[in-house]
Amino acid sequence: MMNQILRFARDERASLTVEAILVLPLLLWGYFGMFVLFDGYRALSNNIRASYTISDLLSRELEPVNEDYINGLNDIQDVLTQSPHRTVLRVTVVAYEQSLGGHQLVWSNATEGKEDITEATLQDKIVGFLPVMSNGETLIVVETWMAFVPFLDITLKTLYDNSSSPGDTVFGPFYFESIAVTRPRFAGQLCFEGISTLGCGA
C-alpha cells in the first residue's frame, strides 16, 4: 500500500485536456474580472473629472443660473462621462454666516428627480465635505452620480459588499458618486433665478 502511494506521489504524467478543463474556468473568471474592474475605474475617473469640470464652469459664472442651465450642465456630464446610462447632477450653494449660526443654505437644484438639499438635510449631506469657511464666504458644491453596469456579473469575495455580513457579492449595477467644492472666482455669489436670500436678488 505504501509503495502505491509513493508511486502516485512521484508520478509526473499529466493530461493536457484534463488540466485545461480544470484551469480554464478560473482563467476566464480572472480575465473577464480584470476587464470589469478596469472598466469600473475608468467610469469612476470620468465621473470625477466631470464633477470638477462642471464645478469650474459654475465658479466662473457671473449671472444667475436657472433650472435649464443646470439641466444643460447635466447634458455636459453625459458627454464627459460618455455613459450609456443615467447620470444625475445636484448643485448646492452654501454660505457661512456666524450671526445666523454657521452654515446656511442659499439654494440647491438637482436633476433627474434627485431631491434638492434643504435646511434639514444640509448638515448631514453637505457640511461634512466642506472646508473651513470664513464669515460671509460662499461655496459651490457639485455632486454627480453615474450609473455603472458591468458588462458581466462576476461573483467577487467581499470586494464590493455593502452588507454587514461577509460573503460572496455579485458585482452588479450601482452608482458612482463624486463631489467637488469650489469658490466663486469672479463674483461674490452664484445665484439662482427667483431665489432671494443671503446676497442673491429676486
N, C-alpha and C. Protein backbone atom coordinates (compact mmCIF):
# COMPACT_ATOMS: atom_id res chain seq x y z
N MET A 1 0.83 -1.21 0.00
CA MET A 1 0.00 0.00 0.00
C MET A 1 0.87 1.26 0.00
N MET A 2 1.90 1.26 0.82
CA MET A 2 2.79 2.41 0.89
C MET A 2 3.52 2.62 -0.43
N ASN A 3 3.91 1.52 -1.10
CA ASN A 3 4.58 1.65 -2.39
C ASN A 3 3.66 2.30 -3.44
N GLN A 4 2.40 1.92 -3.39
CA GLN A 4 1.45 2.51 -4.33
C GLN A 4 1.30 4.02 -4.09
N ILE A 5 1.28 4.43 -2.86
CA ILE A 5 1.15 5.85 -2.53
C ILE A 5 2.38 6.61 -2.98
N LEU A 6 3.56 6.03 -2.73
CA LEU A 6 4.80 6.70 -3.14
C LEU A 6 4.90 6.79 -4.66
N ARG A 7 4.46 5.73 -5.34
CA ARG A 7 4.50 5.75 -6.80
C ARG A 7 3.56 6.84 -7.34
N PHE A 8 2.42 6.97 -6.74
CA PHE A 8 1.47 8.01 -7.17
C PHE A 8 2.04 9.40 -6.91
N ALA A 9 2.72 9.60 -5.79
CA ALA A 9 3.29 10.90 -5.46
C ALA A 9 4.42 11.29 -6.41
N ARG A 10 5.17 10.28 -6.90
CA ARG A 10 6.29 10.56 -7.80
C ARG A 10 5.88 10.65 -9.27
N ASP A 11 4.67 10.24 -9.56
CA ASP A 11 4.21 10.20 -10.95
C ASP A 11 4.01 11.63 -11.48
N GLU A 12 4.70 12.01 -12.55
CA GLU A 12 4.60 13.34 -13.12
C GLU A 12 3.85 13.36 -14.45
N ARG A 13 3.24 12.26 -14.82
CA ARG A 13 2.46 12.24 -16.05
C ARG A 13 1.19 13.06 -15.86
N ALA A 14 0.71 13.67 -16.96
CA ALA A 14 -0.48 14.51 -16.88
C ALA A 14 -1.21 14.48 -18.21
N SER A 15 -2.42 14.98 -18.18
CA SER A 15 -3.22 15.08 -19.39
C SER A 15 -3.53 16.56 -19.64
N LEU A 16 -3.09 17.07 -20.78
CA LEU A 16 -3.30 18.47 -21.11
C LEU A 16 -4.79 18.82 -21.17
N THR A 17 -5.56 17.92 -21.71
CA THR A 17 -7.01 18.16 -21.82
C THR A 17 -7.66 18.30 -20.46
N VAL A 18 -7.32 17.37 -19.56
CA VAL A 18 -7.91 17.41 -18.22
C VAL A 18 -7.49 18.66 -17.48
N GLU A 19 -6.21 19.01 -17.55
CA GLU A 19 -5.73 20.20 -16.85
C GLU A 19 -6.37 21.47 -17.42
N ALA A 20 -6.54 21.52 -18.73
CA ALA A 20 -7.17 22.69 -19.35
C ALA A 20 -8.61 22.83 -18.87
N ILE A 21 -9.34 21.73 -18.78
CA ILE A 21 -10.72 21.78 -18.32
C ILE A 21 -10.79 22.27 -16.88
N LEU A 22 -9.82 21.86 -16.06
CA LEU A 22 -9.82 22.26 -14.67
C LEU A 22 -9.45 23.74 -14.48
N VAL A 23 -8.50 24.22 -15.28
CA VAL A 23 -7.96 25.57 -15.08
C VAL A 23 -8.71 26.63 -15.87
N LEU A 24 -9.31 26.28 -17.01
CA LEU A 24 -9.93 27.26 -17.89
C LEU A 24 -10.99 28.12 -17.21
N PRO A 25 -11.90 27.56 -16.43
CA PRO A 25 -12.90 28.43 -15.78
C PRO A 25 -12.26 29.51 -14.89
N LEU A 26 -11.22 29.15 -14.14
CA LEU A 26 -10.54 30.12 -13.29
C LEU A 26 -9.84 31.19 -14.12
N LEU A 27 -9.22 30.79 -15.23
CA LEU A 27 -8.56 31.76 -16.10
C LEU A 27 -9.56 32.74 -16.71
N LEU A 28 -10.69 32.22 -17.17
CA LEU A 28 -11.72 33.09 -17.75
C LEU A 28 -12.29 34.04 -16.71
N TRP A 29 -12.52 33.54 -15.50
CA TRP A 29 -13.02 34.39 -14.41
C TRP A 29 -12.06 35.54 -14.13
N GLY A 30 -10.77 35.22 -14.04
CA GLY A 30 -9.79 36.28 -13.79
C GLY A 30 -9.65 37.24 -14.96
N TYR A 31 -9.70 36.72 -16.18
CA TYR A 31 -9.55 37.55 -17.38
C TYR A 31 -10.69 38.55 -17.49
N PHE A 32 -11.92 38.06 -17.42
CA PHE A 32 -13.06 38.97 -17.53
C PHE A 32 -13.22 39.83 -16.28
N GLY A 33 -12.79 39.31 -15.13
CA GLY A 33 -12.84 40.11 -13.91
C GLY A 33 -11.96 41.34 -14.01
N MET A 34 -10.79 41.22 -14.62
CA MET A 34 -9.91 42.37 -14.81
C MET A 34 -10.55 43.41 -15.72
N PHE A 35 -11.24 42.95 -16.75
CA PHE A 35 -11.94 43.88 -17.63
C PHE A 35 -13.00 44.66 -16.85
N VAL A 36 -13.77 43.96 -16.01
CA VAL A 36 -14.82 44.62 -15.23
C VAL A 36 -14.22 45.65 -14.28
N LEU A 37 -13.13 45.28 -13.59
CA LEU A 37 -12.52 46.19 -12.63
C LEU A 37 -11.94 47.43 -13.31
N PHE A 38 -11.19 47.24 -14.38
CA PHE A 38 -10.60 48.38 -15.06
C PHE A 38 -11.67 49.26 -15.69
N ASP A 39 -12.74 48.67 -16.19
CA ASP A 39 -13.83 49.46 -16.73
C ASP A 39 -14.50 50.27 -15.63
N GLY A 40 -14.60 49.69 -14.44
CA GLY A 40 -15.16 50.42 -13.30
C GLY A 40 -14.29 51.60 -12.90
N TYR A 41 -12.97 51.41 -12.85
CA TYR A 41 -12.07 52.51 -12.51
C TYR A 41 -12.12 53.61 -13.58
N ARG A 42 -12.27 53.22 -14.84
CA ARG A 42 -12.39 54.21 -15.91
C ARG A 42 -13.64 55.05 -15.74
N ALA A 43 -14.77 54.39 -15.44
CA ALA A 43 -16.03 55.10 -15.25
C ALA A 43 -15.95 56.03 -14.03
N LEU A 44 -15.35 55.56 -12.95
CA LEU A 44 -15.19 56.40 -11.76
C LEU A 44 -14.36 57.63 -12.06
N SER A 45 -13.25 57.44 -12.79
CA SER A 45 -12.39 58.57 -13.13
C SER A 45 -13.13 59.58 -14.01
N ASN A 46 -13.92 59.10 -14.96
CA ASN A 46 -14.69 60.01 -15.81
C ASN A 46 -15.69 60.82 -15.00
N ASN A 47 -16.33 60.19 -14.03
CA ASN A 47 -17.31 60.90 -13.21
C ASN A 47 -16.64 61.97 -12.35
N ILE A 48 -15.47 61.68 -11.81
CA ILE A 48 -14.74 62.66 -11.02
C ILE A 48 -14.34 63.85 -11.88
N ARG A 49 -13.83 63.58 -13.08
CA ARG A 49 -13.43 64.67 -13.98
C ARG A 49 -14.64 65.53 -14.34
N ALA A 50 -15.78 64.89 -14.57
CA ALA A 50 -16.99 65.64 -14.93
C ALA A 50 -17.41 66.57 -13.80
N SER A 51 -17.35 66.10 -12.56
CA SER A 51 -17.76 66.93 -11.42
C SER A 51 -16.86 68.15 -11.27
N TYR A 52 -15.55 67.98 -11.47
CA TYR A 52 -14.63 69.11 -11.35
C TYR A 52 -14.78 70.07 -12.53
N THR A 53 -15.06 69.55 -13.71
CA THR A 53 -15.27 70.42 -14.86
C THR A 53 -16.51 71.28 -14.68
N ILE A 54 -17.62 70.66 -14.26
CA ILE A 54 -18.86 71.40 -14.03
C ILE A 54 -18.68 72.41 -12.90
N SER A 55 -17.97 72.01 -11.87
CA SER A 55 -17.72 72.92 -10.76
C SER A 55 -16.92 74.14 -11.22
N ASP A 56 -15.95 73.92 -12.08
CA ASP A 56 -15.14 75.03 -12.60
C ASP A 56 -15.99 75.96 -13.47
N LEU A 57 -16.88 75.40 -14.28
CA LEU A 57 -17.78 76.22 -15.09
C LEU A 57 -18.65 77.12 -14.22
N LEU A 58 -19.21 76.55 -13.18
CA LEU A 58 -20.08 77.32 -12.29
C LEU A 58 -19.31 78.39 -11.54
N SER A 59 -18.07 78.10 -11.17
CA SER A 59 -17.29 79.07 -10.40
C SER A 59 -16.98 80.33 -11.21
N ARG A 60 -17.04 80.25 -12.55
CA ARG A 60 -16.74 81.39 -13.42
C ARG A 60 -18.00 82.15 -13.84
N GLU A 61 -19.16 81.67 -13.43
CA GLU A 61 -20.42 82.27 -13.85
C GLU A 61 -20.67 83.59 -13.12
N LEU A 62 -21.05 84.61 -13.89
CA LEU A 62 -21.31 85.93 -13.31
C LEU A 62 -22.80 86.21 -13.15
N GLU A 63 -23.63 85.58 -13.98
CA GLU A 63 -25.07 85.82 -13.96
C GLU A 63 -25.79 84.71 -13.19
N PRO A 64 -27.00 84.99 -12.68
CA PRO A 64 -27.77 83.94 -12.02
C PRO A 64 -28.07 82.79 -12.97
N VAL A 65 -28.08 81.58 -12.47
CA VAL A 65 -28.40 80.40 -13.26
C VAL A 65 -29.85 80.00 -13.02
N ASN A 66 -30.35 79.08 -13.83
CA ASN A 66 -31.71 78.60 -13.64
C ASN A 66 -31.76 77.09 -13.86
N GLU A 67 -32.98 76.53 -13.82
CA GLU A 67 -33.13 75.08 -13.93
C GLU A 67 -32.67 74.57 -15.30
N ASP A 68 -32.94 75.34 -16.35
CA ASP A 68 -32.49 74.93 -17.68
C ASP A 68 -30.96 74.89 -17.75
N TYR A 69 -30.31 75.83 -17.08
CA TYR A 69 -28.84 75.87 -17.05
C TYR A 69 -28.30 74.60 -16.37
N ILE A 70 -28.91 74.23 -15.25
CA ILE A 70 -28.46 73.03 -14.53
C ILE A 70 -28.70 71.78 -15.37
N ASN A 71 -29.85 71.72 -16.05
CA ASN A 71 -30.10 70.58 -16.93
C ASN A 71 -29.10 70.53 -18.07
N GLY A 72 -28.71 71.71 -18.56
CA GLY A 72 -27.68 71.74 -19.59
C GLY A 72 -26.34 71.22 -19.09
N LEU A 73 -26.02 71.54 -17.83
CA LEU A 73 -24.79 71.00 -17.24
C LEU A 73 -24.87 69.48 -17.11
N ASN A 74 -26.06 68.97 -16.84
CA ASN A 74 -26.24 67.52 -16.78
C ASN A 74 -25.99 66.88 -18.14
N ASP A 75 -26.38 67.59 -19.21
CA ASP A 75 -26.08 67.10 -20.56
C ASP A 75 -24.57 67.09 -20.80
N ILE A 76 -23.88 68.12 -20.30
CA ILE A 76 -22.42 68.14 -20.41
C ILE A 76 -21.82 66.96 -19.65
N GLN A 77 -22.39 66.65 -18.50
CA GLN A 77 -21.92 65.49 -17.73
C GLN A 77 -22.07 64.21 -18.54
N ASP A 78 -23.19 64.08 -19.26
CA ASP A 78 -23.39 62.90 -20.11
C ASP A 78 -22.28 62.78 -21.15
N VAL A 79 -21.92 63.93 -21.75
CA VAL A 79 -20.89 63.92 -22.78
C VAL A 79 -19.52 63.59 -22.18
N LEU A 80 -19.22 64.19 -21.03
CA LEU A 80 -17.90 63.99 -20.42
C LEU A 80 -17.70 62.55 -19.92
N THR A 81 -18.74 61.97 -19.37
CA THR A 81 -18.62 60.61 -18.85
C THR A 81 -18.79 59.56 -19.94
N GLN A 82 -19.41 59.94 -21.06
CA GLN A 82 -19.69 59.00 -22.15
C GLN A 82 -20.44 57.77 -21.63
N SER A 83 -21.33 58.03 -20.71
CA SER A 83 -22.06 56.93 -20.09
C SER A 83 -23.33 56.61 -20.88
N PRO A 84 -23.58 55.35 -21.18
CA PRO A 84 -24.84 54.98 -21.83
C PRO A 84 -26.00 54.92 -20.85
N HIS A 85 -25.71 55.13 -19.57
CA HIS A 85 -26.72 55.02 -18.53
C HIS A 85 -27.00 56.40 -17.92
N ARG A 86 -27.91 56.43 -17.02
CA ARG A 86 -28.39 57.66 -16.43
C ARG A 86 -27.30 58.34 -15.58
N THR A 87 -27.21 59.67 -15.71
CA THR A 87 -26.36 60.46 -14.83
C THR A 87 -27.23 61.47 -14.11
N VAL A 88 -26.78 61.87 -12.93
CA VAL A 88 -27.54 62.79 -12.08
C VAL A 88 -26.60 63.88 -11.58
N LEU A 89 -27.13 65.10 -11.51
CA LEU A 89 -26.34 66.25 -11.06
C LEU A 89 -27.12 67.03 -10.01
N ARG A 90 -26.41 67.45 -8.98
CA ARG A 90 -27.01 68.34 -7.97
C ARG A 90 -26.03 69.45 -7.64
N VAL A 91 -26.49 70.69 -7.71
CA VAL A 91 -25.67 71.85 -7.41
C VAL A 91 -26.26 72.54 -6.18
N THR A 92 -25.41 72.84 -5.21
CA THR A 92 -25.83 73.49 -3.98
C THR A 92 -24.86 74.62 -3.65
N VAL A 93 -25.40 75.74 -3.24
CA VAL A 93 -24.58 76.86 -2.80
C VAL A 93 -24.79 77.05 -1.30
N VAL A 94 -23.67 77.09 -0.58
CA VAL A 94 -23.70 77.18 0.88
C VAL A 94 -22.95 78.44 1.31
N ALA A 95 -23.51 79.17 2.24
CA ALA A 95 -22.85 80.35 2.81
C ALA A 95 -22.56 80.11 4.29
N TYR A 96 -21.56 80.81 4.79
CA TYR A 96 -21.24 80.70 6.22
C TYR A 96 -21.45 82.07 6.87
N GLU A 97 -22.40 82.14 7.78
CA GLU A 97 -22.74 83.38 8.48
C GLU A 97 -22.75 83.11 9.97
N GLN A 98 -21.76 83.67 10.66
CA GLN A 98 -21.68 83.45 12.11
C GLN A 98 -22.90 83.99 12.83
N SER A 99 -23.43 85.12 12.36
CA SER A 99 -24.58 85.73 13.03
C SER A 99 -25.84 84.88 12.92
N LEU A 100 -25.87 83.98 11.93
CA LEU A 100 -27.03 83.11 11.72
C LEU A 100 -26.79 81.69 12.22
N GLY A 101 -25.64 81.46 12.81
CA GLY A 101 -25.38 80.16 13.41
C GLY A 101 -24.49 79.24 12.61
N GLY A 102 -23.86 79.75 11.56
CA GLY A 102 -22.92 78.91 10.82
C GLY A 102 -23.33 78.70 9.38
N HIS A 103 -23.30 77.45 8.92
CA HIS A 103 -23.59 77.15 7.52
C HIS A 103 -25.06 77.38 7.20
N GLN A 104 -25.29 78.07 6.08
CA GLN A 104 -26.64 78.38 5.64
C GLN A 104 -26.81 77.97 4.18
N LEU A 105 -27.98 77.39 3.89
CA LEU A 105 -28.29 77.01 2.52
C LEU A 105 -28.75 78.24 1.74
N VAL A 106 -28.08 78.49 0.61
CA VAL A 106 -28.51 79.58 -0.27
C VAL A 106 -29.51 79.04 -1.28
N TRP A 107 -29.14 78.01 -2.04
CA TRP A 107 -30.07 77.33 -2.93
C TRP A 107 -29.50 75.98 -3.34
N SER A 108 -30.37 75.14 -3.84
CA SER A 108 -29.97 73.81 -4.30
C SER A 108 -30.89 73.39 -5.42
N ASN A 109 -30.32 72.73 -6.43
CA ASN A 109 -31.12 72.26 -7.56
C ASN A 109 -30.52 70.96 -8.08
N ALA A 110 -31.39 69.98 -8.29
CA ALA A 110 -30.94 68.66 -8.74
C ALA A 110 -31.70 68.24 -9.99
N THR A 111 -31.12 67.32 -10.74
CA THR A 111 -31.74 66.82 -11.97
C THR A 111 -32.22 65.39 -11.78
N GLU A 112 -32.97 64.92 -12.76
CA GLU A 112 -33.41 63.52 -12.84
C GLU A 112 -34.18 63.07 -11.60
N GLY A 113 -34.92 63.98 -10.98
CA GLY A 113 -35.75 63.62 -9.84
C GLY A 113 -35.01 63.48 -8.52
N LYS A 114 -33.72 63.77 -8.49
CA LYS A 114 -32.96 63.72 -7.24
C LYS A 114 -33.45 64.84 -6.33
N GLU A 115 -33.55 64.56 -5.04
CA GLU A 115 -34.05 65.57 -4.11
C GLU A 115 -33.04 66.69 -3.92
N ASP A 116 -33.56 67.93 -3.84
CA ASP A 116 -32.70 69.07 -3.55
C ASP A 116 -32.27 69.05 -2.09
N ILE A 117 -31.14 69.68 -1.82
CA ILE A 117 -30.71 69.84 -0.42
C ILE A 117 -31.62 70.86 0.25
N THR A 118 -32.02 70.59 1.47
CA THR A 118 -32.84 71.51 2.26
C THR A 118 -32.09 71.88 3.53
N GLU A 119 -32.63 72.84 4.27
CA GLU A 119 -32.02 73.20 5.55
C GLU A 119 -31.95 72.00 6.48
N ALA A 120 -32.93 71.11 6.37
CA ALA A 120 -32.97 69.95 7.26
C ALA A 120 -31.89 68.92 6.91
N THR A 121 -31.52 68.85 5.63
CA THR A 121 -30.54 67.84 5.20
C THR A 121 -29.14 68.43 4.96
N LEU A 122 -29.00 69.75 5.11
CA LEU A 122 -27.72 70.40 4.82
C LEU A 122 -26.59 69.84 5.68
N GLN A 123 -26.81 69.72 6.96
CA GLN A 123 -25.76 69.28 7.87
C GLN A 123 -25.34 67.85 7.58
N ASP A 124 -26.28 66.97 7.33
CA ASP A 124 -25.96 65.55 7.15
C ASP A 124 -25.32 65.26 5.81
N LYS A 125 -25.75 65.95 4.75
CA LYS A 125 -25.33 65.57 3.40
C LYS A 125 -24.24 66.45 2.81
N ILE A 126 -24.07 67.67 3.31
CA ILE A 126 -23.15 68.60 2.65
C ILE A 126 -22.03 69.09 3.57
N VAL A 127 -22.37 69.53 4.77
CA VAL A 127 -21.42 70.23 5.63
C VAL A 127 -20.16 69.41 5.90
N GLY A 128 -20.30 68.11 6.02
CA GLY A 128 -19.14 67.27 6.30
C GLY A 128 -18.09 67.28 5.22
N PHE A 129 -18.44 67.68 4.01
CA PHE A 129 -17.49 67.71 2.89
C PHE A 129 -16.86 69.09 2.69
N LEU A 130 -17.31 70.09 3.44
CA LEU A 130 -16.85 71.46 3.23
C LEU A 130 -15.56 71.76 3.99
N PRO A 131 -14.69 72.56 3.41
CA PRO A 131 -13.50 73.01 4.15
C PRO A 131 -13.89 74.09 5.16
N VAL A 132 -12.94 74.53 5.94
CA VAL A 132 -13.20 75.60 6.90
C VAL A 132 -13.53 76.88 6.13
N MET A 133 -14.62 77.53 6.50
CA MET A 133 -15.09 78.72 5.79
C MET A 133 -14.98 79.94 6.70
N SER A 134 -14.66 81.07 6.09
CA SER A 134 -14.63 82.33 6.83
C SER A 134 -16.01 82.96 6.83
N ASN A 135 -16.24 83.90 7.71
CA ASN A 135 -17.54 84.55 7.82
C ASN A 135 -17.87 85.30 6.53
N GLY A 136 -19.07 85.06 6.00
CA GLY A 136 -19.51 85.71 4.78
C GLY A 136 -19.10 84.98 3.50
N GLU A 137 -18.36 83.89 3.60
CA GLU A 137 -17.89 83.17 2.42
C GLU A 137 -18.98 82.24 1.88
N THR A 138 -18.99 82.03 0.57
CA THR A 138 -19.90 81.08 -0.07
C THR A 138 -19.11 80.05 -0.86
N LEU A 139 -19.67 78.86 -0.96
CA LEU A 139 -19.05 77.76 -1.71
C LEU A 139 -20.08 77.12 -2.62
N ILE A 140 -19.59 76.63 -3.75
CA ILE A 140 -20.42 75.91 -4.71
C ILE A 140 -20.11 74.42 -4.57
N VAL A 141 -21.12 73.63 -4.30
CA VAL A 141 -20.96 72.19 -4.12
C VAL A 141 -21.62 71.47 -5.28
N VAL A 142 -20.83 70.73 -6.02
CA VAL A 142 -21.33 69.98 -7.17
C VAL A 142 -21.25 68.49 -6.86
N GLU A 143 -22.38 67.82 -6.91
CA GLU A 143 -22.45 66.37 -6.70
C GLU A 143 -22.88 65.70 -8.00
N THR A 144 -22.18 64.66 -8.39
CA THR A 144 -22.52 63.92 -9.60
C THR A 144 -22.68 62.45 -9.29
N TRP A 145 -23.64 61.85 -9.95
CA TRP A 145 -23.87 60.41 -9.86
C TRP A 145 -23.87 59.83 -11.26
N MET A 146 -23.29 58.65 -11.38
CA MET A 146 -23.23 57.98 -12.67
C MET A 146 -23.44 56.49 -12.48
N ALA A 147 -24.41 55.94 -13.19
CA ALA A 147 -24.68 54.50 -13.09
C ALA A 147 -23.59 53.71 -13.79
N PHE A 148 -23.12 52.67 -13.14
CA PHE A 148 -22.14 51.77 -13.74
C PHE A 148 -22.72 50.37 -13.74
N VAL A 149 -22.88 49.81 -14.93
CA VAL A 149 -23.42 48.46 -15.08
C VAL A 149 -22.36 47.60 -15.77
N PRO A 150 -21.69 46.72 -15.06
CA PRO A 150 -20.66 45.87 -15.67
C PRO A 150 -21.24 45.05 -16.81
N PHE A 151 -20.44 44.82 -17.83
CA PHE A 151 -20.91 44.02 -18.96
C PHE A 151 -21.08 42.56 -18.58
N LEU A 152 -20.52 42.18 -17.42
CA LEU A 152 -20.62 40.80 -16.98
C LEU A 152 -20.68 40.77 -15.46
N ASP A 153 -21.67 40.09 -14.91
CA ASP A 153 -21.77 39.93 -13.46
C ASP A 153 -20.82 38.83 -13.01
N ILE A 154 -19.88 39.22 -12.16
CA ILE A 154 -18.89 38.26 -11.66
C ILE A 154 -18.94 38.25 -10.14
N THR A 155 -19.07 37.10 -9.54
CA THR A 155 -19.12 37.00 -8.10
C THR A 155 -17.72 37.19 -7.52
N LEU A 156 -17.56 38.22 -6.68
CA LEU A 156 -16.27 38.54 -6.09
C LEU A 156 -16.38 38.47 -4.57
N LYS A 157 -15.40 37.89 -3.94
CA LYS A 157 -15.42 37.69 -2.49
C LYS A 157 -15.20 39.01 -1.77
N THR A 158 -16.25 39.55 -1.16
CA THR A 158 -16.20 40.76 -0.32
C THR A 158 -15.47 41.92 -0.98
N LEU A 159 -15.53 42.00 -2.32
CA LEU A 159 -14.88 43.13 -2.99
C LEU A 159 -15.75 44.38 -2.93
N TYR A 160 -17.03 44.19 -3.16
CA TYR A 160 -17.94 45.34 -3.08
C TYR A 160 -19.16 44.89 -2.29
N ASP A 161 -19.03 44.86 -0.97
CA ASP A 161 -20.08 44.33 -0.11
C ASP A 161 -20.56 45.42 0.82
N ASN A 162 -21.79 45.92 0.59
CA ASN A 162 -22.36 46.95 1.45
C ASN A 162 -23.08 46.35 2.65
N SER A 163 -23.26 45.05 2.66
CA SER A 163 -23.98 44.42 3.76
C SER A 163 -23.04 44.19 4.93
N SER A 164 -23.64 43.97 6.10
CA SER A 164 -22.85 43.75 7.31
C SER A 164 -22.31 42.33 7.40
N SER A 165 -22.93 41.40 6.70
CA SER A 165 -22.48 40.01 6.76
C SER A 165 -21.52 39.71 5.63
N PRO A 166 -20.37 39.09 5.93
CA PRO A 166 -19.40 38.76 4.88
C PRO A 166 -19.92 37.65 3.98
N GLY A 167 -19.36 37.57 2.80
CA GLY A 167 -19.77 36.53 1.88
C GLY A 167 -19.58 36.96 0.44
N ASP A 168 -20.10 36.15 -0.46
CA ASP A 168 -19.98 36.46 -1.88
C ASP A 168 -20.92 37.60 -2.25
N THR A 169 -20.45 38.46 -3.14
CA THR A 169 -21.24 39.60 -3.58
C THR A 169 -21.23 39.65 -5.09
N VAL A 170 -22.37 39.85 -5.69
CA VAL A 170 -22.44 40.00 -7.14
C VAL A 170 -22.06 41.42 -7.49
N PHE A 171 -21.05 41.53 -8.34
CA PHE A 171 -20.54 42.84 -8.77
C PHE A 171 -21.50 43.38 -9.82
N GLY A 172 -22.66 43.91 -9.37
CA GLY A 172 -23.71 44.33 -10.27
C GLY A 172 -23.82 45.83 -10.41
N PRO A 173 -24.93 46.34 -10.93
CA PRO A 173 -25.09 47.78 -11.17
C PRO A 173 -25.11 48.57 -9.86
N PHE A 174 -24.44 49.71 -9.88
CA PHE A 174 -24.50 50.65 -8.76
C PHE A 174 -24.10 52.02 -9.27
N TYR A 175 -24.14 53.03 -8.40
CA TYR A 175 -23.84 54.40 -8.79
C TYR A 175 -22.49 54.84 -8.23
N PHE A 176 -21.70 55.46 -9.11
CA PHE A 176 -20.52 56.18 -8.65
C PHE A 176 -20.96 57.58 -8.24
N GLU A 177 -20.44 58.05 -7.13
CA GLU A 177 -20.78 59.40 -6.65
C GLU A 177 -19.50 60.20 -6.46
N SER A 178 -19.54 61.46 -6.87
CA SER A 178 -18.39 62.35 -6.72
C SER A 178 -18.88 63.70 -6.25
N ILE A 179 -18.04 64.41 -5.51
CA ILE A 179 -18.39 65.73 -5.01
C ILE A 179 -17.20 66.67 -5.18
N ALA A 180 -17.47 67.88 -5.67
CA ALA A 180 -16.43 68.90 -5.87
C ALA A 180 -16.91 70.20 -5.25
N VAL A 181 -16.01 70.88 -4.54
CA VAL A 181 -16.34 72.12 -3.85
C VAL A 181 -15.41 73.22 -4.35
N THR A 182 -16.00 74.32 -4.81
CA THR A 182 -15.20 75.46 -5.30
C THR A 182 -15.77 76.76 -4.78
N ARG A 183 -14.95 77.81 -4.85
CA ARG A 183 -15.39 79.17 -4.52
C ARG A 183 -15.69 79.92 -5.81
N PRO A 184 -16.66 80.83 -5.80
CA PRO A 184 -16.87 81.68 -6.99
C PRO A 184 -15.60 82.47 -7.30
N ARG A 185 -15.20 82.51 -8.58
CA ARG A 185 -13.95 83.14 -8.96
C ARG A 185 -14.10 84.64 -9.16
N PHE A 186 -15.14 85.05 -9.89
CA PHE A 186 -15.24 86.44 -10.31
C PHE A 186 -16.43 87.17 -9.69
N ALA A 187 -17.31 86.46 -9.03
CA ALA A 187 -18.47 87.09 -8.38
C ALA A 187 -18.50 86.65 -6.93
N GLY A 188 -19.10 87.46 -6.10
CA GLY A 188 -19.17 87.11 -4.69
C GLY A 188 -20.15 86.01 -4.38
N GLN A 189 -21.06 85.75 -5.33
CA GLN A 189 -22.13 84.79 -5.08
C GLN A 189 -22.62 84.21 -6.39
N LEU A 190 -22.92 82.92 -6.39
CA LEU A 190 -23.59 82.29 -7.53
C LEU A 190 -25.07 82.18 -7.18
N CYS A 191 -25.89 82.93 -7.89
CA CYS A 191 -27.32 83.00 -7.55
C CYS A 191 -28.16 82.15 -8.50
N PHE A 192 -29.38 81.90 -8.05
CA PHE A 192 -30.36 81.14 -8.82
C PHE A 192 -31.56 82.04 -9.08
N GLU A 193 -32.03 82.04 -10.32
CA GLU A 193 -33.14 82.93 -10.67
C GLU A 193 -34.37 82.65 -9.80
N GLY A 194 -34.94 83.74 -9.28
CA GLY A 194 -36.16 83.60 -8.48
C GLY A 194 -35.93 83.37 -7.02
N ILE A 195 -34.67 83.19 -6.60
CA ILE A 195 -34.38 82.95 -5.18
C ILE A 195 -33.67 84.18 -4.62
N SER A 196 -34.24 84.75 -3.59
CA SER A 196 -33.67 85.94 -2.95
C SER A 196 -33.29 85.60 -1.53
N THR A 197 -32.00 85.36 -1.31
CA THR A 197 -31.52 85.03 0.04
C THR A 197 -30.01 85.19 0.11
N LEU A 198 -29.52 85.69 1.21
CA LEU A 198 -28.10 85.76 1.50
C LEU A 198 -27.28 86.35 0.34
N GLY A 199 -27.66 87.54 -0.10
CA GLY A 199 -26.89 88.23 -1.12
C GLY A 199 -27.39 88.06 -2.53
N CYS A 200 -28.38 87.18 -2.75
CA CYS A 200 -28.97 87.00 -4.08
C CYS A 200 -30.26 87.78 -4.18
N GLY A 201 -30.43 88.50 -5.30
CA GLY A 201 -31.66 89.25 -5.52
C GLY A 201 -32.68 88.41 -6.24
N ALA A 202 -33.94 88.82 -6.12
CA ALA A 202 -35.01 88.07 -6.77
C ALA A 202 -34.97 88.31 -8.29
